[in-house]
Protein backbone atom coordinates (compact mmCIF):
# COMPACT_ATOMS: atom_id res chain seq x y z
CA MET A 1 51.39 104.80 101.54
CA MET A 2 53.96 102.22 102.71
CA LYS A 3 51.33 99.66 103.49
CA LYS A 4 49.81 100.05 100.01
CA SER A 5 53.31 99.61 98.39
CA VAL A 6 53.90 96.50 100.46
CA LYS A 7 50.60 95.06 99.35
CA GLN A 8 51.46 95.81 95.78
CA LEU A 9 54.86 94.11 96.34
CA ARG A 10 53.13 91.06 97.67
CA GLU A 11 50.79 90.92 94.61
CA VAL A 12 53.57 91.34 92.04
CA LEU A 13 55.61 88.59 93.78
CA LYS A 14 52.75 86.28 93.58
CA GLN A 15 52.25 87.08 89.80
CA GLU A 16 56.02 86.56 89.12
CA ILE A 17 55.76 83.14 90.81
CA ASP A 18 52.75 82.28 88.73
CA VAL A 19 54.56 83.13 85.55
CA TYR A 20 57.72 81.12 86.44
CA ARG A 21 55.38 78.23 87.26
CA GLU A 22 53.82 78.42 83.96
CA MET A 23 57.45 78.65 82.40
CA LEU A 24 58.33 75.42 84.26
CA GLU A 25 55.19 73.69 82.98
CA ILE A 26 56.11 74.67 79.36
CA SER A 27 59.57 73.52 79.88
CA ILE A 28 58.48 70.17 81.01
CA GLU A 29 56.12 69.95 78.16
CA LYS A 30 58.94 71.09 75.82
CA THR A 31 61.05 68.01 76.92
CA ASN A 32 58.47 65.59 75.55
CA ILE A 33 58.14 67.66 72.32
CA ILE A 34 61.96 67.51 71.91
CA ILE A 35 62.02 63.74 72.50
CA GLU A 36 59.22 63.22 70.03
CA GLY A 37 60.82 65.50 67.49
CA GLN A 38 57.82 67.67 66.91
CA ILE A 39 59.40 70.70 65.24
CA LYS A 40 56.21 72.72 64.68
CA LYS A 41 55.05 72.24 68.29
CA LEU A 42 58.59 73.20 69.45
CA GLU A 43 58.37 76.48 67.51
CA GLU A 44 54.85 77.22 69.09
CA ILE A 45 56.15 76.51 72.63
CA THR A 46 59.15 78.63 72.11
CA GLU A 47 56.91 81.64 71.15
CA GLN A 48 54.92 80.99 74.42
CA GLU A 49 58.19 81.14 76.29
CA GLN A 50 59.20 84.33 74.68
CA LYS A 51 55.89 85.97 75.63
CA LEU A 52 56.26 84.77 79.29
CA ILE A 53 59.76 86.15 79.27
CA ILE A 54 58.41 89.59 78.17
CA LYS A 55 55.71 89.32 80.95
CA ILE A 56 58.42 88.59 83.51
CA GLY A 57 60.38 91.50 82.50
CA LYS A 58 57.44 93.76 82.93
CA LEU A 59 56.70 92.31 86.35
CA GLU A 60 60.32 92.85 87.22
CA ASP A 61 60.00 96.61 86.24
CA ILE A 62 56.84 96.91 88.31
CA ARG A 63 58.58 95.26 91.27
CA GLU A 64 61.58 97.62 91.01
CA ASN A 65 59.30 100.62 91.08
CA ILE A 66 57.30 99.36 94.05
CA VAL A 67 60.73 98.82 96.02
CA PHE A 68 61.73 102.34 94.96
CA ASN A 69 58.40 103.67 96.32
CA ILE A 70 59.01 101.76 99.66
CA GLN A 71 62.51 103.11 99.71
CA LYS A 72 61.10 106.70 99.22
CA GLY A 73 58.52 105.95 101.95
CA LEU A 74 61.15 104.84 104.41
CA GLY A 75 63.20 107.99 103.62
CA ILE A 76 66.14 106.18 102.42
CA SER A 77 68.26 107.84 99.66
CA GLU A 78 70.52 104.98 98.80
CA ASP A 79 69.45 102.24 96.27
CA ILE A 80 68.22 99.16 98.29
CA ASP A 81 66.94 95.74 97.44
CA MET A 82 64.42 93.44 99.01
CA SER A 83 66.70 92.19 101.77
CA LYS A 84 67.26 95.76 103.02
CA ILE A 85 63.44 96.46 103.13
CA MET A 86 62.84 93.35 105.30
CA PRO A 87 63.71 94.92 108.58
CA HIS A 88 61.17 97.68 108.01
CA LEU A 89 58.20 95.29 107.43
CA ASP A 90 55.88 93.76 110.05
CA GLU A 91 56.18 90.05 110.72
CA GLU A 92 53.31 88.89 108.45
CA ASP A 93 54.88 90.66 105.44
CA LYS A 94 58.37 89.53 106.30
CA ASP A 95 57.03 85.94 106.40
CA PHE A 96 55.20 86.22 103.20
CA ILE A 97 58.07 87.61 101.32
CA GLU A 98 60.48 85.07 102.69
CA GLU A 99 58.13 82.25 101.56
CA GLN A 100 57.73 83.86 98.07
CA LYS A 101 61.56 84.17 97.99
CA GLU A 102 61.97 80.47 98.98
CA GLU A 103 59.24 79.38 96.38
CA LEU A 104 60.82 81.40 93.58
CA LEU A 105 64.24 79.99 94.15
CA LYS A 106 62.75 76.42 94.15
CA ILE A 107 61.02 76.97 90.84
CA LEU A 108 64.03 78.82 89.30
CA ASN A 109 66.27 75.77 90.27
CA GLN A 110 63.77 73.40 88.74
CA LEU A 111 63.55 75.55 85.68
CA LYS A 112 67.37 75.66 85.25
CA ASP A 113 67.60 71.85 85.58
CA ARG A 114 64.70 71.45 82.98
CA ASN A 115 66.39 73.90 80.57
CA THR A 116 69.65 72.05 81.01
CA LEU A 117 68.02 68.78 80.23
CA ASN A 118 66.19 70.40 77.32
CA GLY A 119 69.43 71.87 75.95
CA THR A 120 71.24 68.50 76.12
CA LEU A 121 68.39 66.76 74.37
CA ILE A 122 68.55 69.39 71.61
CA ASN A 123 72.25 69.02 71.32
CA ASP A 124 72.03 65.11 71.22
CA SER A 125 69.40 65.46 68.52
CA LEU A 126 71.53 67.84 66.44
CA GLU A 127 74.62 65.48 66.84
CA TYR A 128 72.47 62.51 65.75
CA ILE A 129 71.24 64.45 62.71
CA ASN A 130 74.73 65.50 61.90
CA LEU A 131 75.96 62.12 62.22
CA ASN A 132 73.33 60.65 59.92
CA ILE A 133 74.12 63.38 57.37
CA ASP A 134 77.74 62.56 57.57
CA LEU A 135 77.14 58.87 57.18
CA LEU A 136 74.69 59.35 54.31
CA THR A 137 77.01 61.76 52.44
CA ASN A 138 80.11 59.84 53.00
CA ASN A 139 78.64 56.66 51.94
CA SER A 140 77.20 58.05 48.86
CA PHE A 141 80.43 59.57 47.79
CA GLU A 142 82.35 56.43 48.70
CA ASN A 143 79.99 54.31 46.67
CA ILE A 144 79.79 56.56 43.74
CA TYR A 145 83.25 58.04 43.54
CA GLY A 146 85.44 56.43 46.22
CA ASN A 147 86.12 52.89 44.96
CA LYS A 148 86.07 53.90 41.19
CA SER A 149 88.37 56.79 41.63
CA LYS A 150 90.97 54.68 43.39
CA GLU A 151 90.71 52.20 40.42
CA ILE A 152 91.02 54.96 37.90
CA ASN A 153 94.00 56.50 39.73
CA LEU A 154 95.74 53.13 39.88
CA LYS A 155 95.32 52.30 36.11
CA PRO A 156 97.16 54.17 33.43
CA ALA A 157 94.89 56.41 31.56
CA LYS A 158 93.90 55.19 28.01
CA ARG A 159 94.55 57.76 25.43
CA ILE A 160 91.86 58.51 22.84
CA PHE A 161 94.52 59.56 20.34
CA ASP A 162 97.80 57.92 19.76
CA SER A 163 100.56 60.45 19.97
CA LYS A 164 102.63 58.63 17.44
CA ALA A 165 99.96 59.13 14.80
């Protein structure tokens, strides 16, 4: 029973890493899409990311259930995590899980860096758009109303009807 659960754990860890790799690839592609300003493709890639996030959530649930089964198989009543399971595994499984952990951390750090870059690029794009909007709206109002309104305010108003009449 325990060997079967450990085998399942190994498999779900591989699947999680594969999904995170896919997320990283999408994030790299997303950078180019943001730089090129392709809004439609950005929407599509965001939908792909959301699907992968759901998939990761499901894999996390499966992994938690497997760890619970291992915990039960070991006769441990307290909640445990992966690090507390490690002493109960054979060397091959320990090595495999440790390698997967390192690979996952590497991918997550790359993903974090890429997401930070993408966030910065999006914010820069929004600031640029807002700056252009401000420049366009300020210039239009300045040209249409700004200079003339200053002239009008400085000159005495002409009356249509003479109050003496």
